[in-house]
């Protein structure tokens, strides 16, 4: 009994010590790697496929190979050995399973914080976010994302807040920063008719000298010589899933893709002779994982990969840009199971599970549900399968992250598995070590394994700025 108690107490002590010992900068690069730095990076493009488990990366590459006959850009970089590659520990200050706020804050401040907060450590100390540091050094800075621009991952690079959910407040916190490009969704946090306080935050940005745009056409038609800081908010909540947008001409014309936003932001930020630092987030990869939505997650991962291609293409020509490609944590651990090639059925999916489940309502008939799923995804459900979906619209009993309409996401994923051979481990974040790679000047600083907060000083070191002391 005493031995069991000793082991239990020792385990708690070790776990606690692990969190405490990883709360600040320590070992992001060995001295020999620092001394081997060949040149400083002028620019950094920090790319985050939010909530990307290794299975998401693998399956999206398989989809591209089998449907389009090409590798993903990410896998091609590995195959060409043109990047340094590592595994990253993603823990937060209070959990081995991080959330996006704590993960982004670790990169941004060099300190591990508790889940749910932005750049505020366990003692309540506010730490300067990294884009504020680079802005103060004279560089242009910005974020683009497929979720609200006020969401945890971009906010973590920009501001301090005790609660990641304060998105109306975060929108106002962006106002005085004069960051050069901020683009994504989340119109409800800027619109007077949607905000609880009825403030016209779009108008406040315009009065502050920002160029405010709300559509793809406005983005593409913006004059090249425009020097105003730019706020682009193109949709309420997150942007549409890539697969659904591919089927909707109006969405294609009104909402830019992540690749288009990335190319636009690079072009605007690159006008600064002192360089730029930007974050690019495929945020809806995470939302799709929470929903066990296989088509949504794979096509949004491919959309993120297209943004990688844009960033790497620029860096290849520029020669002065460090591209960092990673994720903040795994999510739901999807995978391709079995020997069947039924996985290829997803090639013909026209709509995501979200689109299907939002189209169904409590008044839909059994026949309508069966026909809808067959038209949207090529799967023919049996009567009892369609009935099991419909019954949840009568009792509205489903829960889950990013599921305000209480849709039966988990059930639909289970019903799809025999057809697509894609299975899911859960519906939430995991503590898996995750993929990380770097391209360009400064990539030699990367160790084969590191903790998330250590990227902060690596970025400062790569650009020749003073590193943060422990």
Protein backbone atom coordinates (compact mmCIF):
# COMPACT_ATOMS: atom_id res chain seq x y z
CA UNK A 1 0.00 0.00 0.00
CA UNK A 2 2.81 2.39 0.91
CA UNK A 3 4.56 1.59 -2.37
CA UNK A 4 1.35 2.29 -4.32
CA UNK A 5 0.91 5.63 -2.53
CA UNK A 6 4.53 6.51 -3.15
CA UNK A 7 4.21 5.77 -6.85
CA UNK A 8 0.93 7.68 -7.08
CA UNK A 9 2.35 10.71 -5.27
CA UNK A 10 5.56 10.53 -7.29
CA UNK A 11 3.55 10.47 -10.51
CA UNK A 12 1.64 13.57 -9.45
CA UNK A 13 4.87 15.28 -8.48
CA UNK A 14 6.52 14.39 -11.75
CA UNK A 15 3.50 15.55 -13.75
CA UNK A 16 3.37 18.83 -11.86
CA UNK A 17 7.09 19.31 -12.30
CA UNK A 18 6.70 18.66 -16.01
CA UNK A 19 4.24 21.55 -16.33
CA UNK A 20 6.34 23.84 -14.13
CA UNK A 21 9.58 23.02 -15.95
CA UNK A 22 8.01 23.78 -19.32
CA UNK A 23 6.48 27.13 -18.52
CA UNK A 24 9.25 29.25 -19.97
CA UNK A 25 12.02 29.25 -22.55
CA UNK A 26 14.82 26.76 -21.99
CA UNK A 27 16.18 24.54 -24.76
CA UNK A 28 14.69 25.42 -28.14
CA UNK A 29 18.04 25.01 -29.89
CA UNK A 30 21.42 23.63 -28.96
CA UNK A 31 24.33 26.07 -28.98
CA UNK A 32 25.89 24.37 -32.00
CA UNK A 33 22.68 25.00 -33.94
CA UNK A 34 22.55 28.65 -32.91
CA UNK A 35 26.16 29.06 -33.96
CA UNK A 36 25.39 27.36 -37.28
CA UNK A 37 22.73 29.93 -38.24
CA UNK A 38 23.75 30.96 -41.76
CA UNK A 39 21.59 34.06 -42.14
CA UNK A 40 18.70 35.75 -40.41
CA UNK A 41 15.20 35.54 -41.82
CA UNK A 42 13.65 38.82 -42.87
CA UNK A 43 10.13 37.38 -42.85
CA UNK A 44 8.24 34.61 -41.07
CA UNK A 45 5.08 32.87 -42.28
CA UNK A 46 3.72 30.77 -39.41
CA UNK A 47 1.19 28.24 -40.71
CA UNK A 48 -1.23 26.38 -38.44
CA UNK A 49 -3.59 23.61 -39.49
CA UNK A 50 -5.62 23.84 -36.29
CA UNK A 51 -6.49 20.50 -34.70
CA UNK A 52 -4.62 18.40 -37.28
CA UNK A 53 -3.96 14.86 -36.12
CA UNK A 54 -1.37 12.87 -38.08
CA UNK A 55 -4.19 10.87 -39.66
CA UNK A 56 -5.64 14.06 -41.15
CA UNK A 57 -2.32 14.84 -42.82
CA UNK A 58 -1.94 11.27 -44.09
CA UNK A 59 -5.47 10.87 -45.42
CA UNK A 60 -5.48 14.23 -47.20
CA UNK A 61 -2.29 13.20 -48.98
CA UNK A 62 -3.83 9.84 -49.94
CA UNK A 63 -6.91 11.65 -51.25
CA UNK A 64 -4.77 13.95 -53.39
CA UNK A 65 -2.72 11.05 -54.74
CA UNK A 66 -5.70 8.84 -55.58
CA UNK A 67 -8.06 11.53 -56.88
CA UNK A 68 -5.69 14.03 -58.50
CA UNK A 69 -2.47 12.04 -58.97
CA UNK A 70 -0.27 14.36 -56.90
CA UNK A 71 1.19 14.63 -53.45
CA UNK A 72 0.33 17.32 -50.97
CA UNK A 73 2.81 20.17 -50.78
CA UNK A 74 3.54 19.23 -47.17
CA UNK A 75 4.45 15.63 -48.09
CA UNK A 76 6.42 16.82 -51.09
CA UNK A 77 8.53 19.00 -48.81
CA UNK A 78 9.28 15.93 -46.71
CA UNK A 79 10.06 13.83 -49.76
CA UNK A 80 12.45 16.42 -51.17
CA UNK A 81 14.16 16.80 -47.79
CA UNK A 82 13.90 20.57 -48.17
CA UNK A 83 12.63 21.18 -44.65
CA UNK A 84 13.77 20.37 -41.15
CA UNK A 85 11.23 18.19 -39.40
CA UNK A 86 10.38 17.71 -35.73
CA UNK A 87 7.80 16.48 -33.28
CA UNK A 88 6.31 19.00 -30.86
CA UNK A 89 4.91 18.58 -27.35
CA UNK A 90 1.69 20.60 -27.17
CA UNK A 91 0.82 20.65 -23.46
CA UNK A 92 -0.54 23.74 -21.70
CA UNK A 93 0.30 24.95 -18.19
CA UNK A 94 -2.51 22.95 -16.61
CA UNK A 95 -3.10 20.01 -18.93
CA UNK A 96 -1.31 17.61 -21.25
CA UNK A 97 -4.22 18.28 -23.61
CA UNK A 98 -4.09 21.89 -24.74
CA UNK A 99 -6.71 24.13 -26.25
CA UNK A 100 -5.98 26.54 -29.08
CA UNK A 101 -5.72 29.59 -26.82
CA UNK A 102 -3.00 28.08 -24.66
CA UNK A 103 -1.19 26.64 -27.67
CA UNK A 104 -1.10 29.89 -29.60
CA UNK A 105 -0.09 31.75 -26.43
CA UNK A 106 2.83 29.37 -25.89
CA UNK A 107 4.19 30.20 -29.34
CA UNK A 108 3.39 33.87 -28.94
CA UNK A 109 4.67 34.60 -25.45
CA UNK A 110 7.22 31.86 -24.84
CA UNK A 111 5.30 30.86 -21.72
CA UNK A 112 2.81 28.08 -21.15
CA UNK A 113 -0.54 29.36 -19.92
CA UNK A 114 -3.69 27.63 -18.75
CA UNK A 115 -6.28 26.49 -21.24
CA UNK A 116 -8.76 29.20 -22.12
CA UNK A 117 -6.56 32.28 -21.65
CA UNK A 118 -4.47 34.36 -24.03
CA UNK A 119 -0.90 35.28 -23.03
CA UNK A 120 -1.69 35.52 -19.31
CA UNK A 121 0.44 33.17 -17.23
CA UNK A 122 -0.52 31.20 -14.13
CA UNK A 123 0.52 34.14 -11.92
CA UNK A 124 -1.69 36.59 -13.80
CA UNK A 125 1.20 38.26 -15.60
CA UNK A 126 0.51 39.61 -19.10
CA UNK A 127 3.20 38.67 -21.63
CA UNK A 128 3.72 40.68 -24.79
CA UNK A 129 2.35 38.75 -27.81
CA UNK A 130 4.89 38.09 -30.51
CA UNK A 131 3.21 40.10 -33.29
CA UNK A 132 3.33 43.15 -31.02
CA UNK A 133 7.06 42.53 -30.59
CA UNK A 134 7.64 42.29 -34.33
CA UNK A 135 5.45 45.34 -34.99
CA UNK A 136 7.50 47.34 -32.48
CA UNK A 137 10.64 46.22 -34.33
CA UNK A 138 9.30 47.83 -37.52
CA UNK A 139 8.02 44.78 -39.34
CA UNK A 140 4.56 44.50 -40.90
CA UNK A 141 2.37 41.89 -39.19
CA UNK A 142 -0.94 40.14 -39.67
CA UNK A 143 -3.16 37.07 -39.47
CA UNK A 144 -5.45 35.26 -41.87
CA UNK A 145 -7.78 32.45 -40.85
CA UNK A 146 -10.84 30.47 -41.91
CA UNK A 147 -12.52 30.97 -38.52
CA UNK A 148 -13.36 34.28 -36.81
CA UNK A 149 -10.35 36.58 -36.84
CA UNK A 150 -11.09 37.06 -33.13
CA UNK A 151 -10.76 33.32 -32.47
CA UNK A 152 -8.16 31.75 -30.18
CA UNK A 153 -5.30 31.03 -32.59
CA UNK A 154 -5.01 34.47 -34.26
CA UNK A 155 -5.88 36.23 -30.99
CA UNK A 156 -3.06 34.36 -29.27
CA UNK A 157 -0.54 35.98 -31.61
CA UNK A 158 -2.03 39.44 -31.05
CA UNK A 159 -3.47 40.28 -27.63
CA UNK A 160 -3.82 39.45 -23.92
CA UNK A 161 -7.12 38.33 -22.46
CA UNK A 162 -8.18 36.24 -19.49
CA UNK A 163 -10.92 34.55 -21.51
CA UNK A 164 -10.62 33.39 -25.12
CA UNK A 165 -14.40 33.57 -25.46
CA UNK A 166 -14.46 37.37 -25.13
CA UNK A 167 -14.53 37.75 -28.91
CA UNK A 168 -16.47 41.05 -28.88
CA UNK A 169 -13.83 42.45 -26.55
CA UNK A 170 -11.00 40.97 -28.61
CA UNK A 171 -12.33 42.74 -31.72
CA UNK A 172 -11.98 46.04 -29.84
CA UNK A 173 -8.53 45.07 -28.59
CA UNK A 174 -7.35 44.79 -32.20
CA UNK A 175 -8.41 48.38 -32.94
CA UNK A 176 -5.40 50.30 -31.53
CA UNK A 177 -2.80 47.78 -32.70
CA UNK A 178 -2.74 48.99 -36.32
CA UNK A 179 -1.76 45.53 -37.51
CA UNK A 180 -1.33 45.54 -41.26
CA UNK A 181 -3.58 42.63 -42.33
CA UNK A 182 -6.29 40.86 -40.34
CA UNK A 183 -8.64 38.64 -42.36
CA UNK A 184 -11.14 35.87 -41.66
CA UNK A 185 -14.69 35.38 -40.43
CA UNK A 186 -16.53 36.62 -37.36
CA UNK A 187 -18.63 39.47 -38.78
CA UNK A 188 -20.97 39.23 -35.78
CA UNK A 189 -18.21 40.57 -33.51
CA UNK A 190 -17.86 43.76 -35.57
CA UNK A 191 -21.45 44.47 -36.67
CA UNK A 192 -23.67 46.78 -34.63
CA UNK A 193 -26.74 44.65 -35.32
CA UNK A 194 -25.06 41.50 -33.96
CA UNK A 195 -22.98 42.72 -31.02
CA UNK A 196 -24.56 42.73 -27.56
CA UNK A 197 -23.42 46.33 -26.96
CA UNK A 198 -24.65 47.44 -30.43
CA UNK A 199 -21.31 49.12 -31.20
CA UNK A 200 -20.45 49.59 -34.86
CA UNK A 201 -16.93 48.20 -34.62
CA UNK A 202 -16.52 48.14 -38.40
CA UNK A 203 -17.12 51.90 -38.32
CA UNK A 204 -14.64 52.32 -35.47
CA UNK A 205 -11.94 50.61 -37.55
CA UNK A 206 -12.69 52.84 -40.53
CA UNK A 207 -12.46 55.96 -38.37
CA UNK A 208 -9.12 54.69 -37.05
CA UNK A 209 -7.76 54.64 -40.61
CA UNK A 210 -8.28 51.01 -41.51
CA UNK A 211 -9.39 49.84 -44.92
CA UNK A 212 -12.36 47.57 -44.15
CA UNK A 213 -13.40 44.99 -46.73
CA UNK A 214 -16.22 42.43 -46.57
CA UNK A 215 -16.02 40.44 -49.81
CA UNK A 216 -13.60 38.60 -52.08
CA UNK A 217 -14.17 41.11 -54.87
CA UNK A 218 -13.22 43.99 -52.59
CA UNK A 219 -10.04 42.16 -51.62
CA UNK A 220 -9.03 41.39 -55.19
CA UNK A 221 -9.79 44.91 -56.41
CA UNK A 222 -7.83 46.68 -53.68
CA UNK A 223 -5.23 48.97 -55.19
CA UNK A 224 -1.63 47.75 -55.00
CA UNK A 225 -0.51 51.08 -53.58
CA UNK A 226 -2.93 50.88 -50.63
CA UNK A 227 -0.93 51.38 -47.42
CA UNK A 228 -3.74 51.46 -44.85
CA UNK A 229 -3.96 48.70 -42.25
CA UNK A 230 -6.55 46.25 -43.51
CA UNK A 231 -9.43 44.45 -41.79
CA UNK A 232 -11.19 41.86 -43.93
CA UNK A 233 -14.19 40.06 -42.43
CA UNK A 234 -16.00 37.95 -45.01
CA UNK A 235 -18.58 35.85 -43.18
CA UNK A 236 -20.35 35.33 -39.89
CA UNK A 237 -18.70 32.78 -37.63
CA UNK A 238 -16.24 30.59 -39.57
CA UNK A 239 -15.89 30.73 -43.34
CA UNK A 240 -17.73 27.99 -45.29
CA UNK A 241 -16.11 24.58 -45.50
CA UNK A 242 -14.03 24.28 -48.66
CA UNK A 243 -16.04 21.39 -50.10
CA UNK A 244 -19.35 23.21 -49.66
CA UNK A 245 -17.88 26.37 -51.18
CA UNK A 246 -16.75 24.37 -54.21
CA UNK A 247 -20.41 23.57 -54.94
CA UNK A 248 -21.73 27.11 -54.46
CA UNK A 249 -20.90 29.74 -57.09
CA UNK A 250 -22.12 32.60 -54.90
CA UNK A 251 -19.81 31.57 -52.06
CA UNK A 252 -16.91 31.23 -54.49
CA UNK A 253 -17.47 34.79 -55.68
CA UNK A 254 -18.03 36.39 -52.26
CA UNK A 255 -15.65 34.55 -49.91
CA UNK A 256 -11.91 34.22 -50.57
CA UNK A 257 -10.13 30.90 -50.06
CA UNK A 258 -7.33 30.56 -47.55
CA UNK A 259 -4.85 30.39 -50.43
CA UNK A 260 -6.20 33.65 -51.90
CA UNK A 261 -6.02 35.40 -48.53
CA UNK A 262 -2.49 34.11 -48.00
CA UNK A 263 -1.27 35.34 -51.39
CA UNK A 264 -2.96 38.71 -50.87
CA UNK A 265 -1.52 39.15 -47.38
CA UNK A 266 2.00 38.24 -48.48
CA UNK A 267 1.82 40.75 -51.33
CA UNK A 268 0.65 43.54 -49.03
CA UNK A 269 3.00 42.78 -46.15
CA UNK A 270 6.03 42.32 -48.38
CA UNK A 271 6.10 46.05 -49.21
CA UNK A 272 7.88 46.71 -45.91
CA UNK A 273 11.66 46.82 -46.36
CA UNK A 274 12.10 45.65 -42.78
CA UNK A 275 10.11 42.51 -43.48
CA UNK A 276 6.95 40.94 -42.12
CA UNK A 277 5.60 38.23 -39.83
CA UNK A 278 2.19 36.64 -40.40
CA UNK A 279 0.14 33.76 -39.09
CA UNK A 280 -1.97 31.64 -41.46
CA UNK A 281 -4.57 29.34 -39.88
CA UNK A 282 -6.70 26.59 -41.37
CA UNK A 283 -9.05 26.90 -38.43
CA UNK A 284 -11.95 24.80 -39.70
CA UNK A 285 -9.81 21.67 -39.82
CA UNK A 286 -10.30 21.71 -36.06
CA UNK A 287 -14.04 22.37 -36.29
CA UNK A 288 -14.45 19.47 -38.72
CA UNK A 289 -12.54 17.17 -36.36
CA UNK A 290 -14.85 18.11 -33.49
CA UNK A 291 -17.74 17.12 -35.76
CA UNK A 292 -16.14 13.91 -37.06
CA UNK A 293 -16.85 15.33 -40.53
CA UNK A 294 -14.51 13.42 -42.85
CA UNK A 295 -15.18 15.31 -46.09
CA UNK A 296 -14.99 18.66 -44.32
CA UNK A 297 -11.69 17.92 -42.62
CA UNK A 298 -9.94 16.46 -45.67
CA UNK A 299 -10.91 19.17 -48.13
CA UNK A 300 -10.13 21.92 -45.63
CA UNK A 301 -6.75 20.29 -45.00
CA UNK A 302 -6.21 20.37 -48.76
CA UNK A 303 -7.21 24.05 -48.78
CA UNK A 304 -4.60 24.63 -46.08
CA UNK A 305 -2.07 22.74 -48.19
CA UNK A 306 -2.82 25.09 -51.10
CA UNK A 307 -1.94 27.96 -48.77
CA UNK A 308 1.32 26.17 -47.92
CA UNK A 309 2.08 26.05 -51.64
CA UNK A 310 1.57 29.81 -51.88
CA UNK A 311 3.84 30.47 -48.90
CA UNK A 312 6.59 28.12 -50.07
CA UNK A 313 6.41 29.52 -53.60
CA UNK A 314 7.01 33.00 -52.22
CA UNK A 315 9.80 31.81 -49.92
CA UNK A 316 11.57 29.98 -52.75
CA UNK A 317 11.75 33.20 -54.74
CA UNK A 318 12.37 35.51 -51.79
CA UNK A 319 15.19 33.51 -50.11
CA UNK A 320 14.67 35.54 -46.90
CA UNK A 321 11.53 33.92 -45.49
CA UNK A 322 11.23 31.27 -42.79
CA UNK A 323 8.06 29.21 -43.26
CA UNK A 324 6.92 27.30 -40.17
CA UNK A 325 4.26 24.62 -40.76
CA UNK A 326 2.57 22.86 -37.87
CA UNK A 327 -0.58 22.36 -35.81
CA UNK A 328 -1.45 23.41 -32.28
CA UNK A 329 -2.75 19.97 -31.22
CA UNK A 330 -4.31 16.80 -32.57
CA UNK A 331 -8.07 16.38 -32.60
CA UNK A 332 -10.24 13.25 -32.68
CA UNK A 333 -7.53 11.08 -34.32
CA UNK A 334 -9.25 10.15 -37.60
CA UNK A 335 -7.87 7.29 -39.62
CA UNK A 336 -8.42 5.07 -42.66
CA UNK A 337 -9.21 1.53 -41.49
CA UNK A 338 -9.38 -1.77 -43.34
CA UNK A 339 -8.07 -3.05 -46.68
CA UNK A 340 -10.99 -1.94 -48.83
CA UNK A 341 -10.63 0.90 -51.35
CA UNK A 342 -13.99 2.24 -50.23
CA UNK A 343 -12.06 5.26 -49.01
CA UNK A 344 -12.25 6.44 -52.62
CA UNK A 345 -15.98 6.97 -52.16
CA UNK A 346 -15.09 10.28 -50.54
CA UNK A 347 -13.83 11.45 -53.95
CA UNK A 348 -17.42 11.87 -55.04
CA UNK A 349 -18.67 13.66 -51.93
CA UNK A 350 -20.23 16.96 -52.96
CA UNK A 351 -21.16 18.26 -49.51
CA UNK A 352 -19.96 18.01 -45.93
CA UNK A 353 -21.83 16.37 -43.08
CA UNK A 354 -22.57 19.84 -41.73
CA UNK A 355 -24.33 20.82 -44.97
CA UNK A 356 -26.32 17.58 -44.98
CA UNK A 357 -27.40 17.82 -41.35
CA UNK A 358 -28.32 21.51 -41.63
CA UNK A 359 -30.44 20.73 -44.70
CA UNK A 360 -32.42 18.08 -42.82
CA UNK A 361 -35.05 19.33 -40.39
CA UNK A 362 -37.65 17.80 -38.10
CA UNK A 363 -40.22 17.88 -40.91
CA UNK A 364 -38.04 16.00 -43.42
CA UNK A 365 -39.40 12.66 -44.58
CA UNK A 366 -37.51 9.38 -44.54
CA UNK A 367 -37.37 9.42 -48.33
CA UNK A 368 -36.00 12.97 -48.38
CA UNK A 369 -33.19 12.07 -45.97
CA UNK A 370 -32.17 9.01 -48.00
CA UNK A 371 -32.21 10.95 -51.29
CA UNK A 372 -30.36 13.90 -49.77
CA UNK A 373 -27.48 11.77 -48.46
CA UNK A 374 -27.24 9.85 -51.74
CA UNK A 375 -27.14 13.06 -53.80
CA UNK A 376 -24.68 14.83 -51.50
CA UNK A 377 -22.36 11.92 -50.70
CA UNK A 378 -23.20 8.93 -52.86
CA UNK A 379 -24.15 6.78 -49.85
CA UNK A 380 -27.49 4.97 -49.82
CA UNK A 381 -28.77 4.60 -46.27
CA UNK A 382 -31.23 1.95 -45.21
CA UNK A 383 -34.57 3.04 -43.80
CA UNK A 384 -33.51 2.29 -40.24
CA UNK A 385 -30.31 4.32 -40.66
CA UNK A 386 -32.20 7.33 -41.95
CA UNK A 387 -34.73 6.91 -39.15
CA UNK A 388 -31.96 6.97 -36.54
CA UNK A 389 -30.81 10.34 -37.89
CA UNK A 390 -34.28 11.84 -38.07
CA UNK A 391 -35.23 10.99 -34.50
CA UNK A 392 -32.60 13.37 -33.14
CA UNK A 393 -34.33 16.31 -34.80
CA UNK A 394 -37.42 15.60 -32.73
CA UNK A 395 -35.58 15.52 -29.38
CA UNK A 396 -32.69 17.90 -30.19
CA UNK A 397 -30.36 15.99 -27.85
CA UNK A 398 -26.90 16.21 -29.42
CA UNK A 399 -23.99 18.12 -27.88
CA UNK A 400 -20.41 18.83 -28.87
CA UNK A 401 -17.95 21.62 -29.57
CA UNK A 402 -18.99 24.02 -32.35
CA UNK A 403 -22.41 22.36 -32.53
CA UNK A 404 -24.89 25.11 -31.62
CA UNK A 405 -27.70 23.48 -33.63
CA UNK A 406 -27.26 20.17 -31.74
CA UNK A 407 -26.82 18.16 -34.92
CA UNK A 408 -26.14 14.36 -34.79
CA UNK A 409 -22.57 14.57 -36.13
CA UNK A 410 -21.24 11.54 -34.27
CA UNK A 411 -24.07 9.30 -35.46
CA UNK A 412 -23.68 10.29 -39.10
CA UNK A 413 -19.92 9.61 -38.93
CA UNK A 414 -20.61 6.14 -37.51
CA UNK A 415 -23.11 5.40 -40.26
CA UNK A 416 -20.58 6.51 -42.90
CA UNK A 417 -17.71 4.36 -41.64
CA UNK A 418 -18.74 1.12 -43.44
CA UNK A 419 -18.83 3.10 -46.70
CA UNK A 420 -15.74 5.31 -46.37
CA UNK A 421 -13.63 3.20 -43.97
CA UNK A 422 -12.82 6.38 -42.00
CA UNK A 423 -13.04 6.02 -38.25
CA UNK A 424 -12.62 8.45 -35.36
CA UNK A 425 -11.03 8.10 -31.95
CA UNK A 426 -13.06 10.82 -30.22
CA UNK A 427 -14.58 14.25 -30.78
CA UNK A 428 -12.05 16.38 -28.94
CA UNK A 429 -8.41 17.40 -28.67
CA UNK A 430 -5.64 14.89 -28.03
CA UNK A 431 -2.24 15.09 -26.33
CA UNK A 432 -0.38 13.56 -29.28
CA UNK A 433 2.97 15.00 -30.25
CA UNK A 434 2.43 16.76 -33.57
CA UNK A 435 4.19 17.47 -36.85
CA UNK A 436 6.35 20.56 -37.25
CA UNK A 437 8.61 21.54 -40.12
CA UNK A 438 10.48 24.62 -41.29
CA UNK A 439 11.66 25.92 -44.65
CA UNK A 440 14.09 28.76 -45.27
CA UNK A 441 16.68 30.69 -43.25
CA UNK A 442 16.54 29.70 -39.60
CA UNK A 443 15.30 26.16 -40.21
CA UNK A 444 18.64 24.85 -38.93
CA UNK A 445 17.70 26.06 -35.43
CA UNK A 446 15.04 23.37 -35.15
CA UNK A 447 15.71 20.36 -32.94
CA UNK A 448 14.11 17.02 -33.70
CA UNK A 449 11.86 17.40 -30.65
CA UNK A 450 10.75 20.51 -28.80
CA UNK A 451 8.01 21.95 -26.62
CA UNK A 452 5.54 24.40 -28.12
CA UNK A 453 6.64 27.47 -26.12
CA UNK A 454 10.21 27.06 -27.39
CA UNK A 455 9.15 28.26 -30.83
CA UNK A 456 8.89 31.79 -29.43
CA UNK A 457 12.61 32.30 -28.96
CA UNK A 458 13.39 30.33 -32.09
CA UNK A 459 11.44 32.90 -34.12
CA UNK A 460 13.20 35.78 -32.37
CA UNK A 461 16.60 34.15 -32.88
CA UNK A 462 15.86 33.40 -36.54
CA UNK A 463 15.09 37.05 -37.24
CA UNK A 464 18.03 38.41 -35.24
CA UNK A 465 15.95 39.83 -32.39
CA UNK A 466 16.81 39.60 -28.71
CA UNK A 467 15.54 36.37 -27.19
CA UNK A 468 13.36 36.19 -24.10
CA UNK A 469 15.16 35.28 -20.87
CA UNK A 470 13.91 32.57 -18.54
